[in-house]
Amino acid sequence: MTSETIYILAGVLLAALAMHRLCTARDALARILALNVLSVGIAMLMLLAGRVAGVTDAVPQAFVLTGIVVLVAVTAALLSLAERISGGDDD
């Protein structure tokens, strides 16, 4: 097994487990965490897809970096929304 195969399997496993948790979780925090894990799995697969003949391509790396920035913003918005829905105190 090459290292690329191991990374592909890890990315697919992360994405599959996150999709399962996303579909079965009732808690908002668990769903947000599953969304983050799904993003990491997809990012791993995108980085490996951009690798051609041992050389990495800069475009998938830029997409993954942009995805990380967007994920941080979405996670912050979802966490504040989950806090507001759960009836947390504003103190």
PDB file of N, CA and C in Angstrom:
ATOM      1  N   MET A   1       0.835  -1.184   0.000  1.00  0.00           N
ATOM      2  CA  MET A   1       0.000   0.000   0.000  1.00  0.00           C
ATOM      3  C   MET A   1       0.877   1.244   0.000  1.00  0.00           C
ATOM      4  N   THR A   2       0.582   2.124  -0.893  1.00  0.00           N
ATOM      5  CA  THR A   2       1.335   3.373  -0.933  1.00  0.00           C
ATOM      6  C   THR A   2       0.722   4.386   0.036  1.00  0.00           C
ATOM      7  N   SER A   3       1.451   5.436   0.283  1.00  0.00           N
ATOM      8  CA  SER A   3       0.939   6.463   1.190  1.00  0.00           C
ATOM      9  C   SER A   3      -0.285   7.163   0.588  1.00  0.00           C
ATOM     10  N   GLU A   4      -0.321   7.284  -0.733  1.00  0.00           N
ATOM     11  CA  GLU A   4      -1.486   7.910  -1.369  1.00  0.00           C
ATOM     12  C   GLU A   4      -2.742   7.075  -1.163  1.00  0.00           C
ATOM     13  N   THR A   5      -2.596   5.751  -1.234  1.00  0.00           N
ATOM     14  CA  THR A   5      -3.738   4.866  -1.007  1.00  0.00           C
ATOM     15  C   THR A   5      -4.245   4.996   0.421  1.00  0.00           C
ATOM     16  N   ILE A   6      -3.335   5.098   1.362  1.00  0.00           N
ATOM     17  CA  ILE A   6      -3.729   5.247   2.765  1.00  0.00           C
ATOM     18  C   ILE A   6      -4.476   6.564   2.969  1.00  0.00           C
ATOM     19  N   TYR A   7      -3.986   7.637   2.348  1.00  0.00           N
ATOM     20  CA  TYR A   7      -4.663   8.928   2.472  1.00  0.00           C
ATOM     21  C   TYR A   7      -6.034   8.913   1.796  1.00  0.00           C
ATOM     22  N   ILE A   8      -6.155   8.226   0.675  1.00  0.00           N
ATOM     23  CA  ILE A   8      -7.457   8.111   0.008  1.00  0.00           C
ATOM     24  C   ILE A   8      -8.438   7.355   0.896  1.00  0.00           C
ATOM     25  N   LEU A   9      -7.990   6.245   1.459  1.00  0.00           N
ATOM     26  CA  LEU A   9      -8.860   5.473   2.347  1.00  0.00           C
ATOM     27  C   LEU A   9      -9.247   6.280   3.582  1.00  0.00           C
ATOM     28  N   ALA A  10      -8.302   7.026   4.135  1.00  0.00           N
ATOM     29  CA  ALA A  10      -8.608   7.849   5.306  1.00  0.00           C
ATOM     30  C   ALA A  10      -9.614   8.946   4.955  1.00  0.00           C
ATOM     31  N   GLY A  11      -9.454   9.573   3.799  1.00  0.00           N
ATOM     32  CA  GLY A  11     -10.389  10.614   3.387  1.00  0.00           C
ATOM     33  C   GLY A  11     -11.790  10.077   3.154  1.00  0.00           C
ATOM     34  N   VAL A  12     -11.874   8.926   2.497  1.00  0.00           N
ATOM     35  CA  VAL A  12     -13.183   8.309   2.251  1.00  0.00           C
ATOM     36  C   VAL A  12     -13.816   7.864   3.562  1.00  0.00           C
ATOM     37  N   LEU A  13     -13.015   7.303   4.464  1.00  0.00           N
ATOM     38  CA  LEU A  13     -13.538   6.860   5.758  1.00  0.00           C
ATOM     39  C   LEU A  13     -14.037   8.048   6.579  1.00  0.00           C
ATOM     40  N   LEU A  14     -13.275   9.121   6.607  1.00  0.00           N
ATOM     41  CA  LEU A  14     -13.721  10.320   7.325  1.00  0.00           C
ATOM     42  C   LEU A  14     -15.022  10.864   6.745  1.00  0.00           C
ATOM     43  N   ALA A  15     -15.095  10.936   5.427  1.00  0.00           N
ATOM     44  CA  ALA A  15     -16.305  11.457   4.790  1.00  0.00           C
ATOM     45  C   ALA A  15     -17.506  10.547   5.055  1.00  0.00           C
ATOM     46  N   ALA A  16     -17.296   9.238   4.991  1.00  0.00           N
ATOM     47  CA  ALA A  16     -18.401   8.300   5.217  1.00  0.00           C
ATOM     48  C   ALA A  16     -18.888   8.348   6.663  1.00  0.00           C
ATOM     49  N   LEU A  17     -17.963   8.368   7.609  1.00  0.00           N
ATOM     50  CA  LEU A  17     -18.366   8.436   9.016  1.00  0.00           C
ATOM     51  C   LEU A  17     -19.063   9.757   9.332  1.00  0.00           C
ATOM     52  N   ALA A  18     -18.579  10.829   8.745  1.00  0.00           N
ATOM     53  CA  ALA A  18     -19.211  12.127   8.977  1.00  0.00           C
ATOM     54  C   ALA A  18     -20.611  12.175   8.371  1.00  0.00           C
ATOM     55  N   MET A  19     -20.783  11.602   7.184  1.00  0.00           N
ATOM     56  CA  MET A  19     -22.120  11.567   6.578  1.00  0.00           C
ATOM     57  C   MET A  19     -23.087  10.746   7.426  1.00  0.00           C
ATOM     58  N   HIS A  20     -22.591   9.630   7.958  1.00  0.00           N
ATOM     59  CA  HIS A  20     -23.439   8.802   8.823  1.00  0.00           C
ATOM     60  C   HIS A  20     -23.848   9.583  10.068  1.00  0.00           C
ATOM     61  N   ARG A  21     -22.893  10.247  10.689  1.00  0.00           N
ATOM     62  CA  ARG A  21     -23.186  11.012  11.901  1.00  0.00           C
ATOM     63  C   ARG A  21     -24.090  12.207  11.593  1.00  0.00           C
ATOM     64  N   LEU A  22     -23.884  12.808  10.440  1.00  0.00           N
ATOM     65  CA  LEU A  22     -24.707  13.947  10.042  1.00  0.00           C
ATOM     66  C   LEU A  22     -26.165  13.531   9.859  1.00  0.00           C
ATOM     67  N   CYS A  23     -26.373  12.320   9.359  1.00  0.00           N
ATOM     68  CA  CYS A  23     -27.736  11.835   9.115  1.00  0.00           C
ATOM     69  C   CYS A  23     -28.406  11.291  10.369  1.00  0.00           C
ATOM     70  N   THR A  24     -27.626  10.810  11.335  1.00  0.00           N
ATOM     71  CA  THR A  24     -28.221  10.150  12.495  1.00  0.00           C
ATOM     72  C   THR A  24     -28.232  10.994  13.758  1.00  0.00           C
ATOM     73  N   ALA A  25     -27.460  12.057  13.814  1.00  0.00           N
ATOM     74  CA  ALA A  25     -27.365  12.850  15.044  1.00  0.00           C
ATOM     75  C   ALA A  25     -28.595  13.727  15.214  1.00  0.00           C
ATOM     76  N   ARG A  26     -29.015  13.863  16.454  1.00  0.00           N
ATOM     77  CA  ARG A  26     -30.124  14.756  16.766  1.00  0.00           C
ATOM     78  C   ARG A  26     -29.620  16.067  17.375  1.00  0.00           C
ATOM     79  N   ASP A  27     -28.449  16.021  17.967  1.00  0.00           N
ATOM     80  CA  ASP A  27     -27.871  17.190  18.619  1.00  0.00           C
ATOM     81  C   ASP A  27     -27.240  18.117  17.580  1.00  0.00           C
ATOM     82  N   ALA A  28     -27.476  19.405  17.721  1.00  0.00           N
ATOM     83  CA  ALA A  28     -26.940  20.373  16.757  1.00  0.00           C
ATOM     84  C   ALA A  28     -25.420  20.417  16.799  1.00  0.00           C
ATOM     85  N   LEU A  29     -24.842  20.306  17.986  1.00  0.00           N
ATOM     86  CA  LEU A  29     -23.387  20.350  18.104  1.00  0.00           C
ATOM     87  C   LEU A  29     -22.744  19.151  17.419  1.00  0.00           C
ATOM     88  N   ALA A  30     -23.368  17.984  17.529  1.00  0.00           N
ATOM     89  CA  ALA A  30     -22.846  16.791  16.856  1.00  0.00           C
ATOM     90  C   ALA A  30     -22.925  16.942  15.342  1.00  0.00           C
ATOM     91  N   ARG A  31     -23.967  17.564  14.855  1.00  0.00           N
ATOM     92  CA  ARG A  31     -24.088  17.789  13.409  1.00  0.00           C
ATOM     93  C   ARG A  31     -23.054  18.795  12.905  1.00  0.00           C
ATOM     94  N   ILE A  32     -22.800  19.821  13.690  1.00  0.00           N
ATOM     95  CA  ILE A  32     -21.784  20.803  13.301  1.00  0.00           C
ATOM     96  C   ILE A  32     -20.412  20.149  13.271  1.00  0.00           C
ATOM     97  N   LEU A  33     -20.110  19.333  14.265  1.00  0.00           N
ATOM     98  CA  LEU A  33     -18.838  18.618  14.296  1.00  0.00           C
ATOM     99  C   LEU A  33     -18.729  17.652  13.120  1.00  0.00           C
ATOM    100  N   ALA A  34     -19.821  16.970  12.787  1.00  0.00           N
ATOM    101  CA  ALA A  34     -19.815  16.055  11.642  1.00  0.00           C
ATOM    102  C   ALA A  34     -19.580  16.821  10.342  1.00  0.00           C
ATOM    103  N   LEU A  35     -20.118  18.015  10.238  1.00  0.00           N
ATOM    104  CA  LEU A  35     -19.886  18.843   9.053  1.00  0.00           C
ATOM    105  C   LEU A  35     -18.410  19.216   8.926  1.00  0.00           C
ATOM    106  N   ASN A  36     -17.768  19.499  10.056  1.00  0.00           N
ATOM    107  CA  ASN A  36     -16.340  19.823  10.038  1.00  0.00           C
ATOM    108  C   ASN A  36     -15.505  18.613   9.638  1.00  0.00           C
ATOM    109  N   VAL A  37     -15.843  17.445  10.156  1.00  0.00           N
ATOM    110  CA  VAL A  37     -15.103  16.225   9.806  1.00  0.00           C
ATOM    111  C   VAL A  37     -15.304  15.894   8.330  1.00  0.00           C
ATOM    112  N   LEU A  38     -16.511  16.082   7.828  1.00  0.00           N
ATOM    113  CA  LEU A  38     -16.781  15.863   6.411  1.00  0.00           C
ATOM    114  C   LEU A  38     -15.928  16.790   5.548  1.00  0.00           C
ATOM    115  N   SER A  39     -15.790  18.018   5.978  1.00  0.00           N
ATOM    116  CA  SER A  39     -14.966  18.967   5.235  1.00  0.00           C
ATOM    117  C   SER A  39     -13.501  18.542   5.208  1.00  0.00           C
ATOM    118  N   VAL A  40     -13.001  18.012   6.302  1.00  0.00           N
ATOM    119  CA  VAL A  40     -11.613  17.548   6.347  1.00  0.00           C
ATOM    120  C   VAL A  40     -11.424  16.354   5.414  1.00  0.00           C
ATOM    121  N   GLY A  41     -12.380  15.433   5.404  1.00  0.00           N
ATOM    122  CA  GLY A  41     -12.287  14.279   4.509  1.00  0.00           C
ATOM    123  C   GLY A  41     -12.291  14.682   3.047  1.00  0.00           C
ATOM    124  N   ILE A  42     -13.154  15.612   2.694  1.00  0.00           N
ATOM    125  CA  ILE A  42     -13.215  16.075   1.310  1.00  0.00           C
ATOM    126  C   ILE A  42     -11.952  16.848   0.945  1.00  0.00           C
ATOM    127  N   ALA A  43     -11.417  17.611   1.890  1.00  0.00           N
ATOM    128  CA  ALA A  43     -10.182  18.350   1.630  1.00  0.00           C
ATOM    129  C   ALA A  43      -9.024  17.393   1.368  1.00  0.00           C
ATOM    130  N   MET A  44      -8.971  16.295   2.120  1.00  0.00           N
ATOM    131  CA  MET A  44      -7.917  15.301   1.881  1.00  0.00           C
ATOM    132  C   MET A  44      -8.028  14.726   0.477  1.00  0.00           C
ATOM    133  N   LEU A  45      -9.243  14.415   0.065  1.00  0.00           N
ATOM    134  CA  LEU A  45      -9.440  13.855  -1.268  1.00  0.00           C
ATOM    135  C   LEU A  45      -9.130  14.877  -2.362  1.00  0.00           C
ATOM    136  N   MET A  46      -9.466  16.133  -2.135  1.00  0.00           N
ATOM    137  CA  MET A  46      -9.158  17.163  -3.135  1.00  0.00           C
ATOM    138  C   MET A  46      -7.659  17.373  -3.280  1.00  0.00           C
ATOM    139  N   LEU A  47      -6.944  17.346  -2.165  1.00  0.00           N
ATOM    140  CA  LEU A  47      -5.495  17.516  -2.241  1.00  0.00           C
ATOM    141  C   LEU A  47      -4.842  16.355  -2.970  1.00  0.00           C
ATOM    142  N   LEU A  48      -5.361  15.155  -2.754  1.00  0.00           N
ATOM    143  CA  LEU A  48      -4.801  13.999  -3.452  1.00  0.00           C
ATOM    144  C   LEU A  48      -5.171  13.999  -4.927  1.00  0.00           C
ATOM    145  N   ALA A  49      -6.333  14.536  -5.261  1.00  0.00           N
ATOM    146  CA  ALA A  49      -6.731  14.594  -6.667  1.00  0.00           C
ATOM    147  C   ALA A  49      -5.869  15.583  -7.447  1.00  0.00           C
ATOM    148  N   GLY A  50      -5.327  16.567  -6.765  1.00  0.00           N
ATOM    149  CA  GLY A  50      -4.493  17.551  -7.428  1.00  0.00           C
ATOM    150  C   GLY A  50      -3.049  17.134  -7.576  1.00  0.00           C
ATOM    151  N   ARG A  51      -2.731  15.939  -7.165  1.00  0.00           N
ATOM    152  CA  ARG A  51      -1.358  15.448  -7.233  1.00  0.00           C
ATOM    153  C   ARG A  51      -1.169  14.659  -8.525  1.00  0.00           C
ATOM    154  N   VAL A  52      -0.291  15.127  -9.388  1.00  0.00           N
ATOM    155  CA  VAL A  52      -0.040  14.470 -10.669  1.00  0.00           C
ATOM    156  C   VAL A  52       1.452  14.184 -10.772  1.00  0.00           C
ATOM    157  N   ALA A  53       1.799  12.932 -10.921  1.00  0.00           N
ATOM    158  CA  ALA A  53       3.193  12.494 -11.102  1.00  0.00           C
ATOM    159  C   ALA A  53       4.104  13.000  -9.990  1.00  0.00           C
ATOM    160  N   GLY A  54       3.603  12.970  -8.764  1.00  0.00           N
ATOM    161  CA  GLY A  54       4.421  13.344  -7.625  1.00  0.00           C
ATOM    162  C   GLY A  54       4.534  14.833  -7.373  1.00  0.00           C
ATOM    163  N   VAL A  55       3.952  15.646  -8.245  1.00  0.00           N
ATOM    164  CA  VAL A  55       4.014  17.101  -8.091  1.00  0.00           C
ATOM    165  C   VAL A  55       2.620  17.601  -7.735  1.00  0.00           C
ATOM    166  N   THR A  56       2.547  18.466  -6.741  1.00  0.00           N
ATOM    167  CA  THR A  56       1.242  18.984  -6.344  1.00  0.00           C
ATOM    168  C   THR A  56       0.871  20.195  -7.188  1.00  0.00           C
ATOM    169  N   ASP A  57      -0.419  20.317  -7.455  1.00  0.00           N
ATOM    170  CA  ASP A  57      -0.950  21.442  -8.221  1.00  0.00           C
ATOM    171  C   ASP A  57      -1.403  22.516  -7.237  1.00  0.00           C
ATOM    172  N   ALA A  58      -1.202  23.753  -7.565  1.00  0.00           N
ATOM    173  CA  ALA A  58      -1.528  24.851  -6.654  1.00  0.00           C
ATOM    174  C   ALA A  58      -3.021  25.161  -6.608  1.00  0.00           C
ATOM    175  N   VAL A  59      -3.757  24.830  -7.649  1.00  0.00           N
ATOM    176  CA  VAL A  59      -5.181  25.178  -7.691  1.00  0.00           C
ATOM    177  C   VAL A  59      -5.984  24.406  -6.639  1.00  0.00           C
ATOM    178  N   PRO A  60      -5.849  23.068  -6.520  1.00  0.00           N
ATOM    179  CA  PRO A  60      -6.576  22.389  -5.445  1.00  0.00           C
ATOM    180  C   PRO A  60      -6.154  22.854  -4.051  1.00  0.00           C
ATOM    181  N   GLN A  61      -4.887  23.207  -3.889  1.00  0.00           N
ATOM    182  CA  GLN A  61      -4.447  23.728  -2.597  1.00  0.00           C
ATOM    183  C   GLN A  61      -5.135  25.048  -2.282  1.00  0.00           C
ATOM    184  N   ALA A  62      -5.304  25.887  -3.274  1.00  0.00           N
ATOM    185  CA  ALA A  62      -6.003  27.157  -3.070  1.00  0.00           C
ATOM    186  C   ALA A  62      -7.476  26.921  -2.754  1.00  0.00           C
ATOM    187  N   PHE A  63      -8.096  25.947  -3.434  1.00  0.00           N
ATOM    188  CA  PHE A  63      -9.490  25.613  -3.141  1.00  0.00           C
ATOM    189  C   PHE A  63      -9.648  25.105  -1.715  1.00  0.00           C
ATOM    190  N   VAL A  64      -8.738  24.259  -1.275  1.00  0.00           N
ATOM    191  CA  VAL A  64      -8.820  23.711   0.080  1.00  0.00           C
ATOM    192  C   VAL A  64      -8.614  24.820   1.106  1.00  0.00           C
ATOM    193  N   LEU A  65      -7.674  25.704   0.874  1.00  0.00           N
ATOM    194  CA  LEU A  65      -7.449  26.815   1.794  1.00  0.00           C
ATOM    195  C   LEU A  65      -8.674  27.723   1.865  1.00  0.00           C
ATOM    196  N   THR A  66      -9.284  28.001   0.727  1.00  0.00           N
ATOM    197  CA  THR A  66     -10.511  28.792   0.709  1.00  0.00           C
ATOM    198  C   THR A  66     -11.634  28.061   1.430  1.00  0.00           C
ATOM    199  N   GLY A  67     -11.708  26.745   1.241  1.00  0.00           N
ATOM    200  CA  GLY A  67     -12.719  25.948   1.932  1.00  0.00           C
ATOM    201  C   GLY A  67     -12.550  25.976   3.436  1.00  0.00           C
ATOM    202  N   ILE A  68     -11.310  25.980   3.904  1.00  0.00           N
ATOM    203  CA  ILE A  68     -11.058  26.048   5.344  1.00  0.00           C
ATOM    204  C   ILE A  68     -11.538  27.384   5.907  1.00  0.00           C
ATOM    205  N   VAL A  69     -11.262  28.461   5.195  1.00  0.00           N
ATOM    206  CA  VAL A  69     -11.696  29.788   5.647  1.00  0.00           C
ATOM    207  C   VAL A  69     -13.217  29.870   5.680  1.00  0.00           C
ATOM    208  N   VAL A  70     -13.865  29.371   4.647  1.00  0.00           N
ATOM    209  CA  VAL A  70     -15.328  29.379   4.608  1.00  0.00           C
ATOM    210  C   VAL A  70     -15.893  28.492   5.715  1.00  0.00           C
ATOM    211  N   LEU A  71     -15.270  27.350   5.958  1.00  0.00           N
ATOM    212  CA  LEU A  71     -15.748  26.441   7.001  1.00  0.00           C
ATOM    213  C   LEU A  71     -15.666  27.079   8.381  1.00  0.00           C
ATOM    214  N   VAL A  72     -14.617  27.827   8.648  1.00  0.00           N
ATOM    215  CA  VAL A  72     -14.504  28.501   9.944  1.00  0.00           C
ATOM    216  C   VAL A  72     -15.636  29.513  10.113  1.00  0.00           C
ATOM    217  N   ALA A  73     -15.938  30.260   9.070  1.00  0.00           N
ATOM    218  CA  ALA A  73     -17.019  31.243   9.150  1.00  0.00           C
ATOM    219  C   ALA A  73     -18.378  30.564   9.316  1.00  0.00           C
ATOM    220  N   VAL A  74     -18.603  29.496   8.564  1.00  0.00           N
ATOM    221  CA  VAL A  74     -19.878  28.774   8.665  1.00  0.00           C
ATOM    222  C   VAL A  74     -20.016  28.119  10.035  1.00  0.00           C
ATOM    223  N   THR A  75     -18.937  27.563  10.556  1.00  0.00           N
ATOM    224  CA  THR A  75     -18.975  26.938  11.876  1.00  0.00           C
ATOM    225  C   THR A  75     -19.307  27.969  12.948  1.00  0.00           C
ATOM    226  N   ALA A  76     -18.702  29.144  12.867  1.00  0.00           N
ATOM    227  CA  ALA A  76     -19.007  30.195  13.843  1.00  0.00           C
ATOM    228  C   ALA A  76     -20.472  30.607  13.766  1.00  0.00           C
ATOM    229  N   ALA A  77     -20.989  30.754  12.559  1.00  0.00           N
ATOM    230  CA  ALA A  77     -22.395  31.130  12.405  1.00  0.00           C
ATOM    231  C   ALA A  77     -23.320  30.030  12.921  1.00  0.00           C
ATOM    232  N   LEU A  78     -22.998  28.779  12.618  1.00  0.00           N
ATOM    233  CA  LEU A  78     -23.837  27.671  13.082  1.00  0.00           C
ATOM    234  C   LEU A  78     -23.794  27.518  14.596  1.00  0.00           C
ATOM    235  N   LEU A  79     -22.626  27.718  15.192  1.00  0.00           N
ATOM    236  CA  LEU A  79     -22.531  27.621  16.650  1.00  0.00           C
ATOM    237  C   LEU A  79     -23.330  28.725  17.334  1.00  0.00           C
ATOM    238  N   SER A  80     -23.283  29.937  16.797  1.00  0.00           N
ATOM    239  CA  SER A  80     -24.073  31.012  17.402  1.00  0.00           C
ATOM    240  C   SER A  80     -25.565  30.770  17.191  1.00  0.00           C
ATOM    241  N   LEU A  81     -25.935  30.226  16.039  1.00  0.00           N
ATOM    242  CA  LEU A  81     -27.337  29.901  15.793  1.00  0.00           C
ATOM    243  C   LEU A  81     -27.813  28.780  16.712  1.00  0.00           C
ATOM    244  N   ALA A  82     -26.985  27.772  16.919  1.00  0.00           N
ATOM    245  CA  ALA A  82     -27.351  26.675  17.820  1.00  0.00           C
ATOM    246  C   ALA A  82     -27.483  27.172  19.254  1.00  0.00           C
ATOM    247  N   GLU A  83     -26.621  28.088  19.649  1.00  0.00           N
ATOM    248  CA  GLU A  83     -26.707  28.673  20.993  1.00  0.00           C
ATOM    249  C   GLU A  83     -28.000  29.462  21.152  1.00  0.00           C
ATOM    250  N   ARG A  84     -28.354  30.224  20.134  1.00  0.00           N
ATOM    251  CA  ARG A  84     -29.570  31.031  20.204  1.00  0.00           C
ATOM    252  C   ARG A  84     -30.820  30.148  20.214  1.00  0.00           C
ATOM    253  N   ILE A  85     -30.810  29.073  19.415  1.00  0.00           N
ATOM    254  CA  ILE A  85     -31.972  28.182  19.359  1.00  0.00           C
ATOM    255  C   ILE A  85     -32.149  27.431  20.670  1.00  0.00           C
ATOM    256  N   SER A  86     -31.029  27.034  21.281  1.00  0.00           N
ATOM    257  CA  SER A  86     -31.125  26.258  22.519  1.00  0.00           C
ATOM    258  C   SER A  86     -31.569  27.112  23.698  1.00  0.00           C
ATOM    259  N   GLY A  87     -31.652  28.407  23.513  1.00  0.00           N
ATOM    260  CA  GLY A  87     -32.149  29.277  24.578  1.00  0.00           C
ATOM    261  C   GLY A  87     -31.085  29.644  25.579  1.00  0.00           C
ATOM    262  N   GLY A  88     -29.850  29.751  25.119  1.00  0.00           N
ATOM    263  CA  GLY A  88     -28.762  30.124  26.017  1.00  0.00           C
ATOM    264  C   GLY A  88     -28.914  31.546  26.524  1.00  0.00           C
ATOM    265  N   ASP A  89     -28.338  31.813  27.685  1.00  0.00           N
ATOM    266  CA  ASP A  89     -28.401  33.151  28.270  1.00  0.00           C
ATOM    267  C   ASP A  89     -27.510  34.101  27.496  1.00  0.00           C
ATOM    268  N   ASP A  90     -27.901  35.351  27.459  1.00  0.00           N
ATOM    269  CA  ASP A  90     -27.111  36.365  26.770  1.00  0.00           C
ATOM    270  C   ASP A  90     -26.068  36.996  27.681  1.00  0.00           C
ATOM    271  N   ASP A  91     -25.946  36.525  28.896  1.00  0.00           N
ATOM    272  CA  ASP A  91     -25.001  37.109  29.859  1.00  0.00           C
ATOM    273  C   ASP A  91     -23.591  36.855  29.503  1.00  0.00           C
TER     274      ASP A  91
END
